[in-house]
Protein backbone atom coordinates (compact mmCIF):
# COMPACT_ATOMS: atom_id res chain seq x y z
CA UNK A 1 17.78 -2.19 18.70
CA UNK A 2 20.59 -4.04 16.66
CA UNK A 3 20.63 -3.68 13.18
CA UNK A 4 19.76 -6.96 12.15
CA UNK A 5 16.96 -7.47 14.68
CA UNK A 6 13.29 -7.74 12.46
CA UNK A 7 11.62 -4.33 12.80
CA UNK A 8 8.19 -4.52 14.91
CA UNK A 9 4.74 -3.68 13.46
CA UNK A 10 3.60 -0.05 14.58
CA UNK A 11 -0.15 -0.10 15.32
CA UNK A 12 -1.56 3.35 15.93
CA UNK A 13 -4.85 4.09 17.72
CA UNK A 14 -6.94 7.15 18.84
CA UNK A 15 -6.79 5.07 22.05
CA UNK A 16 -7.23 1.63 23.23
CA UNK A 17 -9.28 0.45 20.60
CA UNK A 18 -6.84 -0.56 18.59
CA UNK A 19 -6.21 -3.90 21.01
CA UNK A 20 -9.17 -5.69 19.08
CA UNK A 21 -6.84 -5.11 15.56
CA UNK A 22 -3.43 -6.36 17.65
CA UNK A 23 -5.65 -9.02 18.90
CA UNK A 24 -5.85 -10.42 15.08
CA UNK A 25 -2.97 -9.18 13.74
CA UNK A 26 -0.69 -11.30 16.79
CA UNK A 27 -2.83 -14.57 15.47
CA UNK A 28 -2.01 -14.02 11.60
CA UNK A 29 1.93 -12.91 12.50
CA UNK A 30 2.79 -14.95 15.90
CA UNK A 31 6.66 -14.61 14.68
CA UNK A 32 6.67 -10.98 14.98
CA UNK A 33 6.92 -7.91 17.64
CA UNK A 34 4.46 -4.99 17.71
CA UNK A 35 4.65 -1.58 18.91
CA UNK A 36 1.30 0.20 19.86
CA UNK A 37 0.41 3.84 19.80
CA UNK A 38 -2.32 4.99 21.78
CA UNK A 39 -2.69 9.44 20.92
CA UNK A 40 -4.51 9.33 24.50
CA UNK A 41 -3.47 12.89 24.90
CA UNK A 42 -5.76 13.46 21.73
CA UNK A 43 -8.13 11.44 22.29
CA UNK A 44 -11.44 11.33 21.90
CA UNK A 45 -10.87 12.29 17.93
CA UNK A 46 -14.60 12.72 17.28
CA UNK A 47 -14.49 16.24 18.21
CA UNK A 48 -11.63 18.04 16.87
CA UNK A 49 -11.54 20.55 13.84
CA UNK A 50 -10.21 18.62 10.60
CA UNK A 51 -7.26 20.46 9.94
CA UNK A 52 -5.34 20.36 13.53
CA UNK A 53 -5.91 16.83 13.84
CA UNK A 54 -4.39 16.13 10.00
CA UNK A 55 -1.76 18.26 11.59
CA UNK A 56 -1.29 16.35 14.83
CA UNK A 57 -1.36 13.08 13.60
CA UNK A 58 1.07 13.86 10.53
CA UNK A 59 3.62 15.45 13.51
CA UNK A 60 3.04 12.50 15.51
CA UNK A 61 4.37 10.16 12.93
CA UNK A 62 7.36 12.27 12.11
CA UNK A 63 8.40 11.43 15.19
CA UNK A 64 7.03 7.52 15.87
CA UNK A 65 8.93 6.26 12.62
CA UNK A 66 11.95 7.90 13.30
CA UNK A 67 12.04 6.78 17.14
CA UNK A 68 10.39 2.94 16.44
CA UNK A 69 11.25 2.61 12.41
CA UNK A 70 8.53 0.01 11.86
CA UNK A 71 8.52 -2.77 9.14
CA UNK A 72 4.98 -0.94 8.50
CA UNK A 73 2.26 0.98 10.53
CA UNK A 74 -1.41 -0.51 10.86
CA UNK A 75 -3.96 2.46 11.51
CA UNK A 76 -6.20 0.98 13.63
CA UNK A 77 -8.62 4.05 13.55
CA UNK A 78 -11.08 4.52 11.37
CA UNK A 79 -11.32 8.10 12.17
CA UNK A 80 -7.80 8.92 11.82
CA UNK A 81 -7.04 6.82 8.84
CA UNK A 82 -10.33 8.08 6.60
CA UNK A 83 -9.09 11.54 7.21
CA UNK A 84 -5.47 11.73 7.14
CA UNK A 85 -4.15 8.23 5.66
CA UNK A 86 -3.34 9.82 2.00
CA UNK A 87 -1.66 12.41 4.08
CA UNK A 88 0.60 10.20 5.53
CA UNK A 89 1.32 8.05 2.66
CA UNK A 90 2.32 11.32 0.64
CA UNK A 91 4.41 12.45 4.05
CA UNK A 92 5.94 9.53 4.19
CA UNK A 93 6.52 7.60 0.60
CA UNK A 94 9.30 4.83 2.16
CA UNK A 95 6.20 3.87 4.69
CA UNK A 96 3.66 1.27 4.20
CA UNK A 97 0.19 2.24 5.94
CA UNK A 98 -2.73 -0.37 6.43
CA UNK A 99 -6.07 1.21 7.09
CA UNK A 100 -9.02 0.97 8.64
CA UNK A 101 -11.95 2.12 6.53
CA UNK A 102 -15.44 0.85 7.49
CA UNK A 103 -16.62 -2.28 6.19
CA UNK A 104 -18.95 -1.08 3.58
CA UNK A 105 -18.27 -3.31 0.89
CA UNK A 106 -18.63 -6.74 2.84
CA UNK A 107 -21.66 -5.53 4.59
CA UNK A 108 -23.27 -4.94 0.97
CA UNK A 109 -21.89 -8.09 -0.25
CA UNK A 110 -23.69 -9.78 2.78
CA UNK A 111 -26.98 -8.14 3.58
CA UNK A 112 -30.19 -9.73 2.42
CA UNK A 113 -32.74 -7.35 3.30
CA UNK A 114 -30.49 -4.44 1.91
CA UNK A 115 -30.51 -2.44 4.93
CA UNK A 116 -26.91 -1.81 6.67
CA UNK A 117 -26.26 0.86 9.31
CA UNK A 118 -22.92 1.97 9.81
CA UNK A 119 -21.97 2.54 13.55
CA UNK A 120 -19.00 5.51 13.87
CA UNK A 121 -17.79 8.37 15.15
CA UNK A 122 -19.08 11.79 14.17
CA UNK A 123 -15.83 12.15 12.04
CA UNK A 124 -15.79 8.99 10.38
CA UNK A 125 -19.35 9.88 9.65
CA UNK A 126 -18.56 13.25 7.94
CA UNK A 127 -15.97 11.87 5.76
CA UNK A 128 -16.17 12.20 2.22
CA UNK A 129 -14.29 8.93 2.01
CA UNK A 130 -17.36 6.77 3.94
CA UNK A 131 -19.27 8.91 1.60
CA UNK A 132 -17.52 7.35 -1.55
CA UNK A 133 -17.69 3.59 -0.02
CA UNK A 134 -21.20 4.03 -0.02
CA UNK A 135 -21.28 5.06 -3.60
CA UNK A 136 -18.37 2.63 -4.57
CA UNK A 137 -19.45 -0.98 -3.11
CA UNK A 138 -23.55 0.07 -1.65
CA UNK A 139 -25.62 1.96 -4.09
CA UNK A 140 -27.78 -1.01 -4.39
CA UNK A 141 -28.02 -1.12 -0.42
CA UNK A 142 -29.95 1.53 1.87
CA UNK A 143 -27.05 2.36 4.32
CA UNK A 144 -27.56 4.42 7.43
CA UNK A 145 -25.23 6.21 9.12
CA UNK A 146 -25.02 6.67 12.64
CA UNK A 147 -22.19 8.63 14.51
CA UNK A 148 -21.92 8.47 17.83
CA UNK A 149 -20.48 11.01 20.45
CA UNK A 150 -20.40 8.71 23.17
CA UNK A 151 -19.67 5.21 22.42
CA UNK A 152 -15.61 5.36 21.87
CA UNK A 153 -15.34 6.85 25.49
CA UNK A 154 -17.90 4.41 26.80
CA UNK A 155 -15.64 1.53 25.18
CA UNK A 156 -12.72 2.93 27.01
CA UNK A 157 -14.60 2.50 30.30
CA UNK A 158 -15.86 -0.95 29.40
CA UNK A 159 -12.66 -2.17 28.40
CA UNK A 160 -10.96 -1.39 31.65
CA UNK A 161 -14.03 -2.96 34.20
CA UNK A 162 -16.44 0.03 34.47
CA UNK A 163 -20.10 -0.55 34.32
CA UNK A 164 -22.35 0.83 31.61
CA UNK A 165 -26.10 1.16 32.03
CA UNK A 166 -28.21 -0.32 29.50
CA UNK A 167 -30.06 2.39 28.61
CA UNK A 168 -27.37 4.60 27.72
CA UNK A 169 -25.84 1.98 25.52
CA UNK A 170 -28.93 1.47 23.81
CA UNK A 171 -29.39 5.28 23.21
CA UNK A 172 -26.53 5.45 21.46
CA UNK A 173 -27.26 2.24 18.77
CA UNK A 174 -31.04 2.83 18.52
CA UNK A 175 -30.63 4.38 15.78
CA UNK A 176 -28.98 1.69 13.54
CA UNK A 177 -32.18 -0.71 13.81
CA UNK A 178 -34.28 0.40 10.74
CA UNK A 179 -37.33 -1.52 9.62
CA UNK A 180 -38.85 -0.61 6.10
CA UNK A 181 -41.31 -2.38 3.88
CA UNK A 182 -41.23 -5.32 5.82
CA UNK A 183 -37.46 -5.39 5.88
CA UNK A 184 -34.96 -5.02 8.97
CA UNK A 185 -31.66 -4.05 8.99
CA UNK A 186 -29.35 -6.95 8.99
CA UNK A 187 -25.55 -6.16 9.03
CA UNK A 188 -24.68 -3.29 11.56
CA UNK A 189 -21.12 -2.49 10.24
CA UNK A 190 -18.70 -1.69 13.77
CA UNK A 191 -17.11 1.41 12.09
CA UNK A 192 -15.00 2.43 14.91
CA UNK A 193 -12.00 0.29 16.34
CA UNK A 194 -13.31 0.12 20.13
CA UNK A 195 -16.69 -1.14 19.47
CA UNK A 196 -16.04 -4.54 19.04
CA UNK A 197 -15.08 -4.74 22.73
CA UNK A 198 -18.86 -3.84 23.19
CA UNK A 199 -20.03 -6.22 20.74
CA UNK A 200 -21.92 -8.90 23.26
CA UNK A 201 -23.26 -5.78 25.05
CA UNK A 202 -24.52 -4.84 21.16
CA UNK A 203 -26.22 -7.99 20.70
CA UNK A 204 -28.09 -8.41 24.04
CA UNK A 205 -29.63 -4.89 23.58
CA UNK A 206 -30.02 -5.47 19.81
CA UNK A 207 -34.13 -5.65 19.58
CA UNK A 208 -33.50 -8.34 16.80
CA UNK A 209 -30.52 -9.97 15.60
CA UNK A 210 -27.99 -8.54 13.36
CA UNK A 211 -24.42 -9.72 12.14
CA UNK A 212 -21.90 -6.97 13.65
CA UNK A 213 -19.28 -6.36 11.23
CA UNK A 214 -16.22 -6.53 12.87
CA UNK A 215 -12.61 -5.37 10.24
CA UNK A 216 -9.93 -6.43 12.44
CA UNK A 217 -9.32 -9.75 10.71
CA UNK A 218 -9.37 -8.06 7.43
CA UNK A 219 -7.08 -5.69 8.81
CA UNK A 220 -4.73 -8.18 10.14
CA UNK A 221 -4.70 -10.04 6.96
CA UNK A 222 -3.85 -6.85 4.71
CA UNK A 223 -1.23 -6.43 7.02
CA UNK A 224 0.34 -9.65 6.92
CA UNK A 225 0.71 -10.02 3.21
CA UNK A 226 2.64 -6.80 3.22
CA UNK A 227 5.30 -8.62 6.02
CA UNK A 228 7.54 -11.04 5.23
CA UNK A 229 7.34 -14.19 7.48
CA UNK A 230 10.08 -15.11 10.02
CA UNK A 231 11.60 -18.79 10.66
CA UNK A 232 11.87 -17.93 13.79
CA UNK A 233 10.07 -16.14 16.41
CA UNK A 234 11.86 -12.53 16.34
CA UNK A 235 13.68 -11.62 20.00
CA UNK A 236 11.81 -9.09 21.81
CA UNK A 237 8.84 -7.92 23.96
CA UNK A 238 5.52 -5.99 22.53
CA UNK A 239 5.39 -2.52 23.91
CA UNK A 240 2.82 0.24 24.71
CA UNK A 241 3.24 3.48 23.84
CA UNK A 242 0.91 6.67 25.13
CA UNK A 243 1.52 10.33 23.97
CA UNK A 244 -0.02 11.15 27.51
CA UNK A 245 2.99 9.53 28.84
CA UNK A 246 1.40 8.88 31.68
CA UNK A 247 -1.79 6.23 31.54
CA UNK A 248 -3.37 5.81 34.62
CA UNK A 249 -3.50 2.39 36.79
CA UNK A 250 -6.30 0.43 35.14
CA UNK A 251 -4.96 1.18 31.63
CA UNK A 252 -1.71 -0.09 32.61
CA UNK A 253 -3.03 -3.17 34.31
CA UNK A 254 -4.82 -3.59 30.60
CA UNK A 255 -1.99 -3.48 28.86
CA UNK A 256 0.13 -5.96 30.50
CA UNK A 257 -2.98 -7.92 30.11
CA UNK A 258 -2.42 -7.74 26.72
CA UNK A 259 1.02 -9.09 27.35
CA UNK A 260 2.27 -5.31 26.46
CA UNK A 261 4.82 -3.87 28.55
CA UNK A 262 4.27 0.14 28.73
């Protein structure tokens, strides 16, 4: 990279779910280039012990920032950011991080029934960060936290073109739908960046229509605020980096379909 070449924007996720955020970021910042980092060697994050996962992600960013020298970093993963966002900002004060947190505030503002569900990974459901968001922004609502052990893995398979049974998907989302005193859940927050890829499946299987809240556009908008606009398209290309160093054929093909060089 030459010294006057604009720095890339780094988008980080545990797997390929952050592509939902990359898609929106490209729309908002068409003149910029992106480095997409998937920590597939550590995927899925849901089962990790918190201390070990924190140490892993901070150590990983120590290498990533030195290697790619990004303009900003978008942490396109609720599980990672709700756990380690504060640690990353403390460890790398010179870098600006745009985080992904469950969209509880907009859900509370939009709901008519007052019944909101948050569909997340078990890690995000456990976080004090998530409980604090509910306390701060949704104390007047009934918020049900639904932690799925399997959906992130299922979404990765689905994105790669594998077929999922309706029964298996419904088993993961059924807890999101609550009826209480004649009211029904009307908003489900998709609190994992993998989940929007399955939104059409969710809509088809839902027992009644709800608003499925995808935070990707809001994350991209926040990143745009922090990144100065360029008059011309920056030279270079968008690349994908996998921490395993060895993504499988279907993953490589998917990345190429997104215009990313692996």
